[in-house]
Amino acid sequence: MEHYDIAVVGLGALGSGAAYHSALKGAKVIAFEQFEFGHVRGASHDTSRIVRTSYDAPEYAKFAKSSYKDWGELEKRTGQQWLTITGGVIVFPKGSQKLARDYTHSLDANEHSYELLTSEQVKARWPQLCVPVGSHTIYTADMGIVHASKSVAAMQYMARSMGALLKEHTRVDRILPQANGAIIETSRGRFSAGKVIIAADAWANKLLAPLGADIPLDVMQEQVTYFKPENPEAYEPDRFPVWAYAAEDGKFYYGFPAYGEPTLKAGRDIAYNRMSPEERTFVHSEELLQELTRHMEGFIPGKGRVLRTVTCQYAITPNRQFVISPLEKHRDILIGLGGGHAFKFAPTFGRVLAELAIDGKTSDDISKFGIPKTAPMSKI
């Protein structure tokens, strides 16, 4: 067996970030993807993801500071723009189960600037939006978009350019801890590594359970829909924001301006369409599509007709907590889980995992991102 400093399991956004940053630090890296690169079975494909500092928990707003820096570093190293900053709003209608003050408190704690807008101010700035009277709306100028599949491919390319070996169609079947490091048994042979980073998302527990580190995960199929607006020019990124909407019934919707094509993309976050990766049909829910369409008709009347609906997979941790930690019983094996909201942090997530694996420490505060002990949530 050839020996590597770092082995990464899973090459979605988080695993690709870990492979990239491990190679950047000079480690000898091997990484495994059970499917083809850029596959559609997980949560790192399609076009756009939101980037934002506006969170209701200070630890994520703080982590977001690092993510913008790390996206900027990736832009410098690749010579390509990954962040498209549009500004963005989060709308809290009267009676919303989420509270605007939780977000403003988190932003204040991390010295992020924002504006608190009335419904009239929102309408004056973006007449495309219909915000209910009495709503509170938080605007942050740094909210924007990152291209999903292309940025993942860029991190993989950078990892390879620095000597990392990335292997697709290579399923990891078992990780065997050793006195120093571990042996990785795969569908294409055995490999040895000093440290192993598991970023396998919904498939993680197949590897973790034999190691005594089973993490409760709530796995579900999510979906987003693209609409053809009646007046596409009104929804260009310089005229229309990224948005989120915390509805009165607890549902949380989000969407994008036109990005690469004259469409609007929107979805509902966490729809509880539960399944396992093996049971996933890739067929979208017509009920969820109709629900989203009704919401869009009230909030963005000019959305236009439905063009297509795309599915992805969420693996939700308890309380959607990030997990960035070595295993308690096997310190040479680390786990990274994003709870269905980590793409915006991908290069930072990868950097921190690489630092923990190689240096044994990180300067980022991950004190709340340990291995959870509780069962997954039933609702948020």
Protein backbone atom coordinates (compact mmCIF):
# COMPACT_ATOMS: atom_id res chain seq x y z
CA MET A 1 0.00 0.00 0.00
CA GLU A 2 1.16 3.48 -0.82
CA HIS A 3 1.01 5.81 2.19
CA TYR A 4 -0.54 9.30 2.13
CA ASP A 5 -0.56 12.07 4.69
CA ILE A 6 -4.25 12.81 4.18
CA ALA A 7 -7.11 10.75 2.76
CA VAL A 8 -10.43 12.49 2.03
CA VAL A 9 -13.65 10.50 1.66
CA GLY A 10 -16.27 12.29 -0.44
CA LEU A 11 -15.63 14.97 -3.05
CA GLY A 12 -18.63 17.24 -2.80
CA ALA A 13 -18.07 20.84 -1.77
CA LEU A 14 -16.71 20.12 1.71
CA GLY A 15 -14.47 17.21 0.73
CA SER A 16 -13.14 19.07 -2.29
CA GLY A 17 -12.35 22.01 -0.02
CA ALA A 18 -10.51 19.69 2.37
CA ALA A 19 -8.49 18.08 -0.44
CA TYR A 20 -7.61 21.49 -1.86
CA HIS A 21 -6.46 22.98 1.44
CA SER A 22 -4.60 19.83 2.50
CA ALA A 23 -2.63 19.89 -0.74
CA LEU A 24 -2.10 23.64 -0.36
CA LYS A 25 -0.43 22.95 2.99
CA GLY A 26 2.00 20.58 1.29
CA ALA A 27 0.46 17.28 2.36
CA LYS A 28 0.48 14.16 0.20
CA VAL A 29 -3.26 13.77 -0.48
CA ILE A 30 -5.53 11.08 -1.86
CA ALA A 31 -9.29 11.60 -2.12
CA PHE A 32 -12.12 9.24 -3.03
CA GLU A 33 -15.48 9.83 -4.70
CA GLN A 34 -17.83 6.84 -4.96
CA PHE A 35 -19.59 8.28 -8.03
CA GLU A 36 -18.34 10.38 -10.93
CA PHE A 37 -16.95 13.87 -10.29
CA GLY A 38 -19.72 16.45 -10.35
CA HIS A 39 -22.51 13.89 -9.86
CA VAL A 40 -26.09 14.88 -8.99
CA ARG A 41 -26.71 12.43 -6.15
CA GLY A 42 -25.67 14.73 -3.30
CA ALA A 43 -25.93 18.44 -2.53
CA SER A 44 -23.07 20.07 -4.47
CA HIS A 45 -24.39 20.21 -8.05
CA ASP A 46 -26.51 22.61 -10.11
CA THR A 47 -25.73 26.31 -10.50
CA SER A 48 -26.12 28.70 -7.58
CA ARG A 49 -25.82 28.82 -3.81
CA ILE A 50 -26.41 31.77 -1.50
CA VAL A 51 -23.54 33.33 0.44
CA ARG A 52 -24.41 35.49 3.43
CA THR A 53 -23.33 36.71 6.83
CA SER A 54 -26.93 37.10 8.01
CA TYR A 55 -27.57 34.22 10.42
CA ASP A 56 -29.58 33.87 13.62
CA ALA A 57 -26.65 32.26 15.47
CA PRO A 58 -23.45 34.26 16.12
CA GLU A 59 -21.11 31.30 15.52
CA TYR A 60 -22.23 31.05 11.88
CA ALA A 61 -22.07 34.79 11.28
CA LYS A 62 -18.53 34.66 12.65
CA PHE A 63 -17.60 31.68 10.49
CA ALA A 64 -18.99 33.58 7.49
CA LYS A 65 -16.29 36.24 7.92
CA SER A 66 -13.70 33.57 7.21
CA SER A 67 -15.67 32.14 4.30
CA TYR A 68 -15.65 35.41 2.36
CA LYS A 69 -11.86 35.60 2.84
CA ASP A 70 -11.38 32.00 1.72
CA TRP A 71 -13.57 32.44 -1.34
CA GLY A 72 -11.44 35.50 -2.15
CA GLU A 73 -8.26 33.44 -1.83
CA LEU A 74 -9.70 30.81 -4.17
CA GLU A 75 -10.49 33.57 -6.66
CA LYS A 76 -6.87 34.78 -6.52
CA ARG A 77 -5.43 31.30 -6.96
CA THR A 78 -7.72 30.32 -9.84
CA GLY A 79 -7.89 33.73 -11.50
CA GLN A 80 -11.68 33.42 -11.68
CA GLN A 81 -14.56 35.18 -9.94
CA TRP A 82 -16.60 32.90 -7.70
CA LEU A 83 -18.63 35.39 -5.66
CA THR A 84 -21.31 37.55 -7.29
CA ILE A 85 -22.35 40.09 -4.67
CA THR A 86 -25.92 41.29 -5.15
CA GLY A 87 -27.01 42.33 -1.66
CA GLY A 88 -29.85 40.43 -0.09
CA VAL A 89 -32.91 40.58 2.13
CA ILE A 90 -34.49 38.31 4.71
CA VAL A 91 -38.17 39.08 5.21
CA PHE A 92 -39.94 38.46 8.53
CA PRO A 93 -43.69 39.03 8.13
CA LYS A 94 -45.77 39.83 11.18
CA GLY A 95 -46.23 36.61 13.15
CA SER A 96 -43.14 34.90 11.73
CA GLN A 97 -41.83 32.08 13.92
CA LYS A 98 -38.30 33.32 13.22
CA LEU A 99 -37.36 36.64 14.78
CA ALA A 100 -35.51 39.46 13.05
CA ARG A 101 -33.88 40.41 16.34
CA ASP A 102 -32.05 37.06 16.49
CA TYR A 103 -30.43 37.92 13.17
CA THR A 104 -29.63 41.53 14.08
CA HIS A 105 -28.17 40.38 17.41
CA SER A 106 -25.94 37.91 15.59
CA LEU A 107 -24.89 40.53 13.03
CA ASP A 108 -24.18 43.08 15.78
CA ALA A 109 -22.11 40.56 17.74
CA ASN A 110 -19.85 40.11 14.72
CA GLU A 111 -19.81 43.75 13.60
CA HIS A 112 -21.55 43.01 10.30
CA SER A 113 -23.38 46.00 8.85
CA TYR A 114 -27.05 45.79 7.86
CA GLU A 115 -30.20 47.84 7.34
CA LEU A 116 -33.58 47.16 8.94
CA LEU A 117 -36.25 48.08 6.39
CA THR A 118 -40.00 48.60 6.53
CA SER A 119 -42.27 47.05 3.91
CA GLU A 120 -42.63 50.47 2.29
CA GLN A 121 -38.85 50.87 2.03
CA VAL A 122 -38.51 47.43 0.49
CA LYS A 123 -41.19 48.20 -2.09
CA ALA A 124 -39.54 51.51 -2.98
CA ARG A 125 -36.16 49.82 -3.53
CA TRP A 126 -37.36 46.60 -5.19
CA PRO A 127 -40.85 47.04 -6.66
CA GLN A 128 -40.65 43.44 -7.90
CA LEU A 129 -41.22 42.28 -4.28
CA CYS A 130 -44.57 42.30 -2.46
CA VAL A 131 -43.71 42.39 1.24
CA PRO A 132 -46.63 42.26 3.71
CA VAL A 133 -47.34 45.43 5.66
CA GLY A 134 -45.80 45.27 9.12
CA SER A 135 -42.92 43.04 8.05
CA HIS A 136 -39.37 43.51 9.26
CA THR A 137 -36.76 43.06 6.53
CA ILE A 138 -33.00 42.80 7.08
CA TYR A 139 -30.81 43.91 4.19
CA THR A 140 -27.12 43.00 4.06
CA ALA A 141 -25.01 44.37 1.23
CA ASP A 142 -22.58 41.42 1.23
CA MET A 143 -25.19 38.77 0.41
CA GLY A 144 -24.67 37.09 -2.95
CA ILE A 145 -24.20 33.99 -5.05
CA VAL A 146 -21.49 31.41 -5.69
CA HIS A 147 -21.61 28.98 -8.62
CA ALA A 148 -21.99 25.50 -7.12
CA SER A 149 -20.73 22.90 -9.58
CA LYS A 150 -18.04 25.12 -11.09
CA SER A 151 -16.54 26.13 -7.74
CA VAL A 152 -16.38 22.49 -6.61
CA ALA A 153 -14.59 21.60 -9.85
CA ALA A 154 -12.20 24.51 -9.28
CA MET A 155 -11.22 23.25 -5.81
CA GLN A 156 -10.68 19.77 -7.25
CA TYR A 157 -8.55 21.21 -10.05
CA MET A 158 -6.45 23.19 -7.56
CA ALA A 159 -5.94 20.11 -5.40
CA ARG A 160 -4.72 18.14 -8.43
CA SER A 161 -2.45 20.97 -9.54
CA MET A 162 -0.67 20.71 -6.19
CA GLY A 163 -0.20 16.95 -6.43
CA ALA A 164 -3.35 15.48 -4.88
CA LEU A 165 -4.63 12.20 -6.32
CA LEU A 166 -8.41 12.33 -6.77
CA LYS A 167 -10.13 9.05 -7.60
CA GLU A 168 -13.72 8.89 -8.88
CA HIS A 169 -15.86 5.74 -9.01
CA THR A 170 -13.98 4.58 -5.92
CA ARG A 171 -16.26 3.59 -3.05
CA VAL A 172 -14.79 3.54 0.46
CA ASP A 173 -16.10 0.44 2.21
CA ARG A 174 -14.28 0.55 5.52
CA ILE A 175 -11.79 2.58 7.52
CA LEU A 176 -9.53 0.57 9.81
CA PRO A 177 -7.81 2.63 12.55
CA GLN A 178 -4.15 1.84 13.18
CA ALA A 179 -1.72 2.93 15.89
CA ASN A 180 -0.86 5.87 13.66
CA GLY A 181 -3.39 6.69 10.99
CA ALA A 182 -5.70 4.28 9.23
CA ILE A 183 -6.09 1.84 6.36
CA ILE A 184 -8.83 2.70 3.86
CA GLU A 185 -10.48 -0.24 2.12
CA THR A 186 -12.07 0.78 -1.18
CA SER A 187 -13.69 -0.82 -4.20
CA ARG A 188 -10.37 -0.28 -5.99
CA GLY A 189 -7.85 -1.40 -3.41
CA ARG A 190 -6.42 -0.58 0.02
CA PHE A 191 -4.64 2.64 0.94
CA SER A 192 -2.84 3.94 4.01
CA ALA A 193 -3.05 7.46 5.44
CA GLY A 194 -1.86 9.33 8.49
CA LYS A 195 -5.19 11.18 8.79
CA VAL A 196 -8.61 10.53 7.27
CA ILE A 197 -11.22 13.23 6.65
CA ILE A 198 -14.75 11.90 6.16
CA ALA A 199 -16.94 14.31 4.17
CA ALA A 200 -19.44 11.74 2.92
CA ASP A 201 -22.63 13.55 3.99
CA ALA A 202 -25.65 11.19 3.84
CA TRP A 203 -23.35 8.18 3.46
CA ALA A 204 -21.14 9.09 6.45
CA ASN A 205 -22.69 6.76 9.02
CA LYS A 206 -21.86 3.67 6.97
CA LEU A 207 -18.24 4.47 7.79
CA LEU A 208 -18.75 6.04 11.21
CA ALA A 209 -20.93 3.41 12.87
CA PRO A 210 -18.21 0.69 12.91
CA LEU A 211 -15.94 3.29 14.53
CA GLY A 212 -18.39 3.93 17.38
CA ALA A 213 -19.35 7.39 16.16
CA ASP A 214 -22.82 7.07 14.67
CA ILE A 215 -24.22 10.60 14.14
CA PRO A 216 -28.00 11.08 13.91
CA LEU A 217 -28.84 12.25 10.40
CA ASP A 218 -32.21 13.16 8.92
CA VAL A 219 -31.88 12.54 5.17
CA MET A 220 -34.37 14.05 2.73
CA GLN A 221 -34.76 15.00 -0.91
CA GLU A 222 -35.06 18.75 -1.45
CA GLN A 223 -35.96 20.64 -4.62
CA VAL A 224 -35.60 24.04 -6.27
CA THR A 225 -37.60 25.44 -9.16
CA TYR A 226 -36.63 27.78 -11.99
CA PHE A 227 -39.23 30.29 -13.22
CA LYS A 228 -39.27 32.28 -16.48
CA PRO A 229 -40.05 35.88 -15.40
CA GLU A 230 -42.29 38.09 -17.49
CA ASN A 231 -39.66 40.85 -17.55
CA PRO A 232 -36.23 39.18 -17.20
CA GLU A 233 -34.32 42.48 -17.18
CA ALA A 234 -36.00 43.47 -13.90
CA TYR A 235 -34.40 40.49 -12.16
CA GLU A 236 -30.78 40.95 -13.18
CA PRO A 237 -28.32 40.82 -10.22
CA ASP A 238 -27.76 44.60 -10.30
CA ARG A 239 -31.52 45.22 -9.98
CA PHE A 240 -32.80 42.39 -7.79
CA PRO A 241 -31.47 40.87 -4.55
CA VAL A 242 -30.91 37.41 -3.21
CA TRP A 243 -33.80 36.85 -0.81
CA ALA A 244 -35.18 34.68 1.98
CA TYR A 245 -38.62 34.69 3.54
CA ALA A 246 -39.40 33.40 7.05
CA ALA A 247 -43.12 32.62 6.71
CA GLU A 248 -45.65 32.75 9.53
CA ASP A 249 -46.16 28.97 9.46
CA GLY A 250 -42.46 28.31 10.07
CA LYS A 251 -41.56 27.53 6.47
CA PHE A 252 -38.46 29.22 5.10
CA TYR A 253 -38.24 30.11 1.42
CA TYR A 254 -35.30 31.52 -0.53
CA GLY A 255 -34.40 32.61 -4.03
CA PHE A 256 -32.00 34.23 -6.45
CA PRO A 257 -31.92 36.90 -9.12
CA ALA A 258 -31.20 35.86 -12.70
CA TYR A 259 -27.82 34.13 -12.73
CA GLY A 260 -26.32 32.90 -16.00
CA GLU A 261 -29.75 32.66 -17.62
CA PRO A 262 -32.96 34.78 -17.64
CA THR A 263 -34.65 32.78 -14.87
CA LEU A 264 -35.53 33.04 -11.19
CA LYS A 265 -34.52 30.16 -8.93
CA ALA A 266 -36.43 29.57 -5.68
CA GLY A 267 -37.03 26.84 -3.13
CA ARG A 268 -38.23 25.94 0.32
CA ASP A 269 -35.59 25.05 2.87
CA ILE A 270 -36.28 21.73 4.63
CA ALA A 271 -39.45 20.13 3.29
CA TYR A 272 -39.23 16.81 5.18
CA ASN A 273 -39.40 14.68 2.04
CA ARG A 274 -37.51 11.96 3.89
CA MET A 275 -35.72 9.07 2.17
CA SER A 276 -32.41 7.25 2.11
CA PRO A 277 -29.85 7.69 -0.66
CA GLU A 278 -30.79 4.22 -1.93
CA GLU A 279 -34.52 5.09 -2.01
CA ARG A 280 -34.14 8.45 -3.70
CA THR A 281 -36.25 8.76 -6.86
CA PHE A 282 -34.96 12.10 -8.22
CA VAL A 283 -38.63 12.83 -9.05
CA HIS A 284 -39.73 16.13 -7.58
CA SER A 285 -42.80 16.51 -5.38
CA GLU A 286 -45.70 18.12 -7.23
CA GLU A 287 -47.22 19.13 -3.89
CA LEU A 288 -44.07 21.02 -2.89
CA LEU A 289 -43.90 22.63 -6.32
CA GLN A 290 -47.46 23.90 -5.99
CA GLU A 291 -46.73 25.21 -2.48
CA LEU A 292 -43.68 27.12 -3.72
CA THR A 293 -45.58 28.46 -6.72
CA ARG A 294 -48.32 29.83 -4.46
CA HIS A 295 -45.73 31.55 -2.29
CA MET A 296 -44.02 33.07 -5.32
CA GLU A 297 -47.33 34.33 -6.72
CA GLY A 298 -47.82 36.42 -3.60
CA PHE A 299 -44.22 37.49 -3.02
CA ILE A 300 -42.89 37.93 -6.60
CA PRO A 301 -45.95 38.32 -8.86
CA GLY A 302 -43.78 38.71 -11.97
CA LYS A 303 -42.09 35.35 -11.48
CA GLY A 304 -43.60 33.92 -14.68
CA ARG A 305 -44.16 30.28 -15.55
CA VAL A 306 -42.38 27.22 -14.18
CA LEU A 307 -39.48 26.02 -16.35
CA ARG A 308 -37.92 23.13 -14.43
CA THR A 309 -37.49 21.64 -10.97
CA VAL A 310 -34.18 20.16 -9.77
CA THR A 311 -33.71 17.88 -6.75
CA CYS A 312 -30.83 17.52 -4.30
CA GLN A 313 -30.19 15.69 -1.04
CA TYR A 314 -29.93 17.07 2.49
CA ALA A 315 -28.36 15.23 5.42
CA ILE A 316 -29.54 17.18 8.46
CA THR A 317 -27.62 17.01 11.73
CA PRO A 318 -29.32 17.69 15.10
CA ASN A 319 -30.33 21.37 15.11
CA ARG A 320 -28.52 21.66 11.75
CA GLN A 321 -25.26 21.97 13.67
CA PHE A 322 -22.00 21.88 11.74
CA VAL A 323 -19.76 18.97 12.69
CA ILE A 324 -16.03 19.66 12.34
CA SER A 325 -14.19 17.36 14.70
CA PRO A 326 -11.87 14.40 15.19
CA LEU A 327 -13.64 11.27 16.40
CA GLU A 328 -13.47 10.83 20.14
CA LYS A 329 -12.11 7.28 20.00
CA HIS A 330 -9.99 7.65 16.86
CA ARG A 331 -8.31 11.06 16.74
CA ASP A 332 -6.67 10.42 13.36
CA ILE A 333 -10.13 10.30 11.75
CA LEU A 334 -12.04 13.56 11.32
CA ILE A 335 -15.62 14.19 10.31
CA GLY A 336 -17.11 17.15 8.45
CA LEU A 337 -20.89 17.53 8.13
CA GLY A 338 -22.71 20.67 7.01
CA GLY A 339 -26.33 20.09 8.05
CA GLY A 340 -27.68 21.16 4.66
CA HIS A 341 -26.42 24.76 4.83
CA ALA A 342 -22.64 24.61 4.48
CA PHE A 343 -21.95 25.24 0.79
CA LYS A 344 -21.42 28.96 1.41
CA PHE A 345 -18.65 27.99 3.85
CA ALA A 346 -17.06 25.28 1.67
CA PRO A 347 -13.47 26.60 1.35
CA THR A 348 -13.39 27.54 5.04
CA PHE A 349 -14.85 24.20 6.06
CA GLY A 350 -12.15 22.49 4.01
CA ARG A 351 -9.37 24.70 5.36
CA VAL A 352 -10.35 24.07 8.98
CA LEU A 353 -10.52 20.31 8.44
CA ALA A 354 -7.08 20.42 6.79
CA GLU A 355 -5.65 22.48 9.66
CA LEU A 356 -7.05 20.10 12.26
CA ALA A 357 -5.68 17.10 10.38
CA ILE A 358 -2.22 18.52 9.66
CA ASP A 359 -1.58 21.03 12.47
CA GLY A 360 -3.86 19.64 15.14
CA LYS A 361 -5.50 23.04 15.64
CA THR A 362 -7.22 25.92 13.87
CA SER A 363 -7.53 29.61 14.59
CA ASP A 364 -11.24 29.56 13.74
CA ASP A 365 -13.73 29.14 16.56
CA ILE A 366 -15.32 25.72 16.10
CA SER A 367 -16.18 25.21 19.76
CA LYS A 368 -19.86 24.65 18.91
CA PHE A 369 -19.18 22.30 16.00
CA GLY A 370 -18.37 19.12 17.91
CA ILE A 371 -19.99 15.72 17.49
CA PRO A 372 -23.68 15.99 18.55
CA LYS A 373 -25.17 13.70 21.15
CA THR A 374 -28.87 14.26 20.51
CA ALA A 375 -31.31 12.84 18.00
CA PRO A 376 -32.11 14.72 14.78
CA MET A 377 -34.77 17.37 14.88
CA SER A 378 -38.30 16.67 13.68
CA LYS A 379 -38.96 20.31 12.85
CA ILE A 380 -37.10 23.61 12.72
